[in-house]
Structure formats: C-alpha cells, structure tokens
C-alpha cells in the first residue's frame, strides 16, 4: 500500500480521538462503540463502556466479548499498518485476570510483538483504569492470506 493510503487509515482512526468511532469496516467494532484514545501505526488504545448486552448472567463483562474486543482491536492494529495484503486471525490466546461490570469504562491497548511477511504477532491488554486493574491479556497471530 502506498504511504498515502497508510496515512489515510491512520487519519481515519485519529479523526475519532476522544470520540466514539463509527463507520468502521468492522461491523463488530461499530457494535462495540469504542472511543479512540490514541492511534499510531501499529499501536492503538481504545476505551469501551460496558453495556448490559455485553455482560453475562452474573452481570460481568462476558469473556466472549472481552475476546471479541481483543481480536477486533488487534485486527484494527494490523489495518493501521496500511499493508496491501489481507490478514486473518489464526489463533487467539487470552488470560483473564479480573472482572468488569456494566457501566465500567475499560481501556484496551495493542502492540506488535513481531512482524514478519506472513505472520504478525500482536498483544492486547485490557484494563479497568478506575481500579488500576488488568482485566485480560491476549496474544494473537495474524496470517497473511493474500
């Protein structure tokens, strides 16, 4: 991808800094309704308000939604790289550490561990900032399918 297209992807993400992201190519991201905290090439930080439909029967953030946040934000991180090739998740390993509940604001932050031509390994950490607590940490390998 040309540098200008990479720049356009970043500008799109950065244009929502401090605002709820909308118009994402990911329908799931649109449903999650994140707010962009920070966006740079290969590293994103988004916040999410936990809504009732994101909770399990015990009233805490559903582990599947946590996994979805991690997977979706990792995908957006690869998107921010502006690569010509398509990448898809081939595995997602998540450790869950503590709960969040409806009404909580959580922060998810990604980083690239290693970037190759065929596989990109990334990490996402999800925090509950009001309690300075790590909720979950996930690792994923994204495979070049082009």
C-alpha atoms as a PDB file:
ATOM      1  CA  UNK A   1       0.000   0.000   0.000  1.00  0.00           C
ATOM      2  CA  UNK A   2       1.217   3.462  -0.769  1.00  0.00           C
ATOM      3  CA  UNK A   3       2.331   5.692   2.062  1.00  0.00           C
ATOM      4  CA  UNK A   4      -0.654   7.992   1.430  1.00  0.00           C
ATOM      5  CA  UNK A   5      -3.111   5.101   1.939  1.00  0.00           C
ATOM      6  CA  UNK A   6      -1.384   4.125   5.164  1.00  0.00           C
ATOM      7  CA  UNK A   7      -1.627   7.750   6.215  1.00  0.00           C
ATOM      8  CA  UNK A   8      -5.346   7.806   5.287  1.00  0.00           C
ATOM      9  CA  UNK A   9      -6.044   4.792   7.509  1.00  0.00           C
ATOM     10  CA  UNK A  10      -4.294   6.448  10.429  1.00  0.00           C
ATOM     11  CA  UNK A  11      -6.046   9.734   9.775  1.00  0.00           C
ATOM     12  CA  UNK A  12      -9.397   7.912   9.803  1.00  0.00           C
ATOM     13  CA  UNK A  13      -8.637   6.350  13.195  1.00  0.00           C
ATOM     14  CA  UNK A  14      -7.081   9.528  14.589  1.00  0.00           C
ATOM     15  CA  UNK A  15     -10.072  11.611  13.476  1.00  0.00           C
ATOM     16  CA  UNK A  16     -12.060   9.864  16.227  1.00  0.00           C
ATOM     17  CA  UNK A  17      -9.603  10.636  19.028  1.00  0.00           C
ATOM     18  CA  UNK A  18     -11.740  11.467  22.050  1.00  0.00           C
ATOM     19  CA  UNK A  19     -14.907  10.383  20.189  1.00  0.00           C
ATOM     20  CA  UNK A  20     -16.878   7.213  19.566  1.00  0.00           C
ATOM     21  CA  UNK A  21     -15.606   5.505  16.428  1.00  0.00           C
ATOM     22  CA  UNK A  22     -18.224   4.988  13.732  1.00  0.00           C
ATOM     23  CA  UNK A  23     -18.136   3.870  10.133  1.00  0.00           C
ATOM     24  CA  UNK A  24     -15.552   1.155  10.778  1.00  0.00           C
ATOM     25  CA  UNK A  25     -15.154  -1.572   8.153  1.00  0.00           C
ATOM     26  CA  UNK A  26     -15.737  -3.948  11.118  1.00  0.00           C
ATOM     27  CA  UNK A  27     -19.435  -4.283  11.965  1.00  0.00           C
ATOM     28  CA  UNK A  28     -18.437  -5.756  15.312  1.00  0.00           C
ATOM     29  CA  UNK A  29     -16.358  -2.680  16.106  1.00  0.00           C
ATOM     30  CA  UNK A  30     -19.360  -0.496  15.287  1.00  0.00           C
ATOM     31  CA  UNK A  31     -21.421  -2.572  17.743  1.00  0.00           C
ATOM     32  CA  UNK A  32     -18.726  -2.268  20.446  1.00  0.00           C
ATOM     33  CA  UNK A  33     -18.814   1.559  20.087  1.00  0.00           C
ATOM     34  CA  UNK A  34     -15.239   2.260  21.195  1.00  0.00           C
ATOM     35  CA  UNK A  35     -13.751   5.681  21.781  1.00  0.00           C
ATOM     36  CA  UNK A  36     -10.327   6.216  20.256  1.00  0.00           C
ATOM     37  CA  UNK A  37      -7.880   7.240  22.979  1.00  0.00           C
ATOM     38  CA  UNK A  38      -4.714   7.049  20.868  1.00  0.00           C
ATOM     39  CA  UNK A  39      -3.858   5.788  17.378  1.00  0.00           C
ATOM     40  CA  UNK A  40      -0.470   5.394  15.750  1.00  0.00           C
ATOM     41  CA  UNK A  41       0.876   2.989  13.168  1.00  0.00           C
ATOM     42  CA  UNK A  42       0.919  -0.440  14.821  1.00  0.00           C
ATOM     43  CA  UNK A  43      -0.422   0.626  18.251  1.00  0.00           C
ATOM     44  CA  UNK A  44      -3.977   1.525  19.255  1.00  0.00           C
ATOM     45  CA  UNK A  45      -5.629   2.450  22.534  1.00  0.00           C
ATOM     46  CA  UNK A  46      -9.440   2.436  22.680  1.00  0.00           C
ATOM     47  CA  UNK A  47     -11.894   2.738  25.563  1.00  0.00           C
ATOM     48  CA  UNK A  48     -15.186   0.860  25.865  1.00  0.00           C
ATOM     49  CA  UNK A  49     -18.199   1.487  28.090  1.00  0.00           C
ATOM     50  CA  UNK A  50     -19.581  -1.849  29.284  1.00  0.00           C
ATOM     51  CA  UNK A  51     -23.249  -2.054  28.315  1.00  0.00           C
ATOM     52  CA  UNK A  52     -25.833  -4.537  29.623  1.00  0.00           C
ATOM     53  CA  UNK A  53     -25.783  -6.579  26.394  1.00  0.00           C
ATOM     54  CA  UNK A  54     -22.020  -7.124  26.897  1.00  0.00           C
ATOM     55  CA  UNK A  55     -22.489  -8.879  30.256  1.00  0.00           C
ATOM     56  CA  UNK A  56     -23.037 -12.489  31.265  1.00  0.00           C
ATOM     57  CA  UNK A  57     -25.823 -13.726  33.596  1.00  0.00           C
ATOM     58  CA  UNK A  58     -23.659 -12.720  36.595  1.00  0.00           C
ATOM     59  CA  UNK A  59     -23.647  -9.105  35.409  1.00  0.00           C
ATOM     60  CA  UNK A  60     -19.962  -9.007  34.490  1.00  0.00           C
ATOM     61  CA  UNK A  61     -18.263  -8.469  31.154  1.00  0.00           C
ATOM     62  CA  UNK A  62     -18.731 -11.646  29.109  1.00  0.00           C
ATOM     63  CA  UNK A  63     -15.467 -13.418  28.327  1.00  0.00           C
ATOM     64  CA  UNK A  64     -16.521 -13.752  24.703  1.00  0.00           C
ATOM     65  CA  UNK A  65     -16.990 -10.001  24.413  1.00  0.00           C
ATOM     66  CA  UNK A  66     -13.565  -9.486  26.005  1.00  0.00           C
ATOM     67  CA  UNK A  67     -12.125 -11.891  23.416  1.00  0.00           C
ATOM     68  CA  UNK A  68     -14.000 -10.011  20.692  1.00  0.00           C
ATOM     69  CA  UNK A  69     -12.580  -6.681  21.846  1.00  0.00           C
ATOM     70  CA  UNK A  70      -9.073  -8.134  21.803  1.00  0.00           C
ATOM     71  CA  UNK A  71      -9.488  -9.770  18.384  1.00  0.00           C
ATOM     72  CA  UNK A  72     -11.158  -6.733  16.820  1.00  0.00           C
ATOM     73  CA  UNK A  73      -8.633  -4.222  18.144  1.00  0.00           C
ATOM     74  CA  UNK A  74      -5.737  -6.428  17.055  1.00  0.00           C
ATOM     75  CA  UNK A  75      -7.302  -6.538  13.578  1.00  0.00           C
ATOM     76  CA  UNK A  76      -7.606  -2.745  13.582  1.00  0.00           C
ATOM     77  CA  UNK A  77      -3.948  -2.528  14.583  1.00  0.00           C
ATOM     78  CA  UNK A  78      -2.966  -4.549  11.512  1.00  0.00           C
ATOM     79  CA  UNK A  79      -5.295  -2.285   9.471  1.00  0.00           C
ATOM     80  CA  UNK A  80      -3.335   0.727  10.782  1.00  0.00           C
ATOM     81  CA  UNK A  81      -0.176  -0.676   9.170  1.00  0.00           C
ATOM     82  CA  UNK A  82      -1.626   0.005   5.718  1.00  0.00           C
ATOM     83  CA  UNK A  83      -0.493  -3.282   4.221  1.00  0.00           C
ATOM     84  CA  UNK A  84      -1.674  -4.383   0.762  1.00  0.00           C
ATOM     85  CA  UNK A  85      -2.146  -7.949   1.949  1.00  0.00           C
ATOM     86  CA  UNK A  86      -5.147  -9.304   3.824  1.00  0.00           C
ATOM     87  CA  UNK A  87      -4.510 -10.814   7.261  1.00  0.00           C
ATOM     88  CA  UNK A  88      -6.759 -13.009   9.369  1.00  0.00           C
ATOM     89  CA  UNK A  89      -6.596 -14.334  12.914  1.00  0.00           C
ATOM     90  CA  UNK A  90      -5.165 -17.849  13.141  1.00  0.00           C
ATOM     91  CA  UNK A  91      -5.112 -18.085  16.925  1.00  0.00           C
ATOM     92  CA  UNK A  92      -6.067 -16.044  19.942  1.00  0.00           C
ATOM     93  CA  UNK A  93      -4.766 -16.893  23.422  1.00  0.00           C
ATOM     94  CA  UNK A  94      -6.329 -14.959  26.291  1.00  0.00           C
ATOM     95  CA  UNK A  95      -5.685 -14.894  30.019  1.00  0.00           C
ATOM     96  CA  UNK A  96      -8.492 -13.445  32.134  1.00  0.00           C
ATOM     97  CA  UNK A  97      -7.495 -11.812  35.402  1.00  0.00           C
ATOM     98  CA  UNK A  98     -10.416  -9.879  36.855  1.00  0.00           C
ATOM     99  CA  UNK A  99     -13.993  -8.809  36.081  1.00  0.00           C
ATOM    100  CA  UNK A 100     -15.589  -5.596  34.896  1.00  0.00           C
ATOM    101  CA  UNK A 101     -19.273  -4.826  35.200  1.00  0.00           C
ATOM    102  CA  UNK A 102     -21.961  -2.860  33.403  1.00  0.00           C
ATOM    103  CA  UNK A 103     -21.190   0.851  33.492  1.00  0.00           C
ATOM    104  CA  UNK A 104     -17.429   0.352  33.819  1.00  0.00           C
ATOM    105  CA  UNK A 105     -15.125   2.054  31.357  1.00  0.00           C
ATOM    106  CA  UNK A 106     -12.318  -0.228  30.201  1.00  0.00           C
ATOM    107  CA  UNK A 107      -9.199   0.544  28.166  1.00  0.00           C
ATOM    108  CA  UNK A 108      -7.668  -1.804  25.571  1.00  0.00           C
ATOM    109  CA  UNK A 109      -4.162  -1.229  24.251  1.00  0.00           C
ATOM    110  CA  UNK A 110      -2.372  -3.106  21.457  1.00  0.00           C
ATOM    111  CA  UNK A 111       1.227  -3.544  20.435  1.00  0.00           C
ATOM    112  CA  UNK A 112       3.110  -5.563  17.846  1.00  0.00           C
ATOM    113  CA  UNK A 113       5.407  -8.208  19.279  1.00  0.00           C
ATOM    114  CA  UNK A 114       6.923  -9.361  15.972  1.00  0.00           C
ATOM    115  CA  UNK A 115       6.070  -8.521  12.378  1.00  0.00           C
ATOM    116  CA  UNK A 116       7.044 -10.857   9.547  1.00  0.00           C
ATOM    117  CA  UNK A 117       5.837 -11.060   5.957  1.00  0.00           C
ATOM    118  CA  UNK A 118       3.480 -13.992   6.614  1.00  0.00           C
ATOM    119  CA  UNK A 119       2.683 -13.704  10.338  1.00  0.00           C
ATOM    120  CA  UNK A 120       2.283 -10.741  12.668  1.00  0.00           C
ATOM    121  CA  UNK A 121       2.217 -11.487  16.398  1.00  0.00           C
ATOM    122  CA  UNK A 122       0.366  -8.919  18.498  1.00  0.00           C
ATOM    123  CA  UNK A 123      -0.680  -8.352  22.087  1.00  0.00           C
ATOM    124  CA  UNK A 124      -3.687  -6.591  23.589  1.00  0.00           C
ATOM    125  CA  UNK A 125      -4.079  -5.673  27.243  1.00  0.00           C
ATOM    126  CA  UNK A 126      -7.457  -4.721  28.692  1.00  0.00           C
ATOM    127  CA  UNK A 127      -7.541  -2.603  31.860  1.00  0.00           C
ATOM    128  CA  UNK A 128     -10.085  -1.271  34.329  1.00  0.00           C
ATOM    129  CA  UNK A 129      -8.438   2.111  34.961  1.00  0.00           C
ATOM    130  CA  UNK A 130     -10.607   3.208  37.912  1.00  0.00           C
ATOM    131  CA  UNK A 131      -9.214   0.266  39.896  1.00  0.00           C
ATOM    132  CA  UNK A 132      -5.832   0.181  38.114  1.00  0.00           C
ATOM    133  CA  UNK A 133      -6.530  -3.466  37.347  1.00  0.00           C
ATOM    134  CA  UNK A 134      -5.584  -5.711  34.414  1.00  0.00           C
ATOM    135  CA  UNK A 135      -8.723  -7.499  33.189  1.00  0.00           C
ATOM    136  CA  UNK A 136      -7.228  -9.619  30.404  1.00  0.00           C
ATOM    137  CA  UNK A 137      -4.231 -10.024  28.142  1.00  0.00           C
ATOM    138  CA  UNK A 138      -4.435 -11.636  24.737  1.00  0.00           C
ATOM    139  CA  UNK A 139      -1.914 -12.681  22.119  1.00  0.00           C
ATOM    140  CA  UNK A 140      -2.773 -13.329  18.515  1.00  0.00           C
ATOM    141  CA  UNK A 141      -1.071 -14.394  15.330  1.00  0.00           C
ATOM    142  CA  UNK A 142      -2.405 -12.786  12.184  1.00  0.00           C
ATOM    143  CA  UNK A 143      -1.702 -14.708   8.970  1.00  0.00           C
ATOM    144  CA  UNK A 144      -1.167 -13.133   5.555  1.00  0.00           C
ATOM    145  CA  UNK A 145      -3.824 -14.781   3.362  1.00  0.00           C
ATOM    146  CA  UNK A 146      -3.066 -12.861   0.177  1.00  0.00           C
END
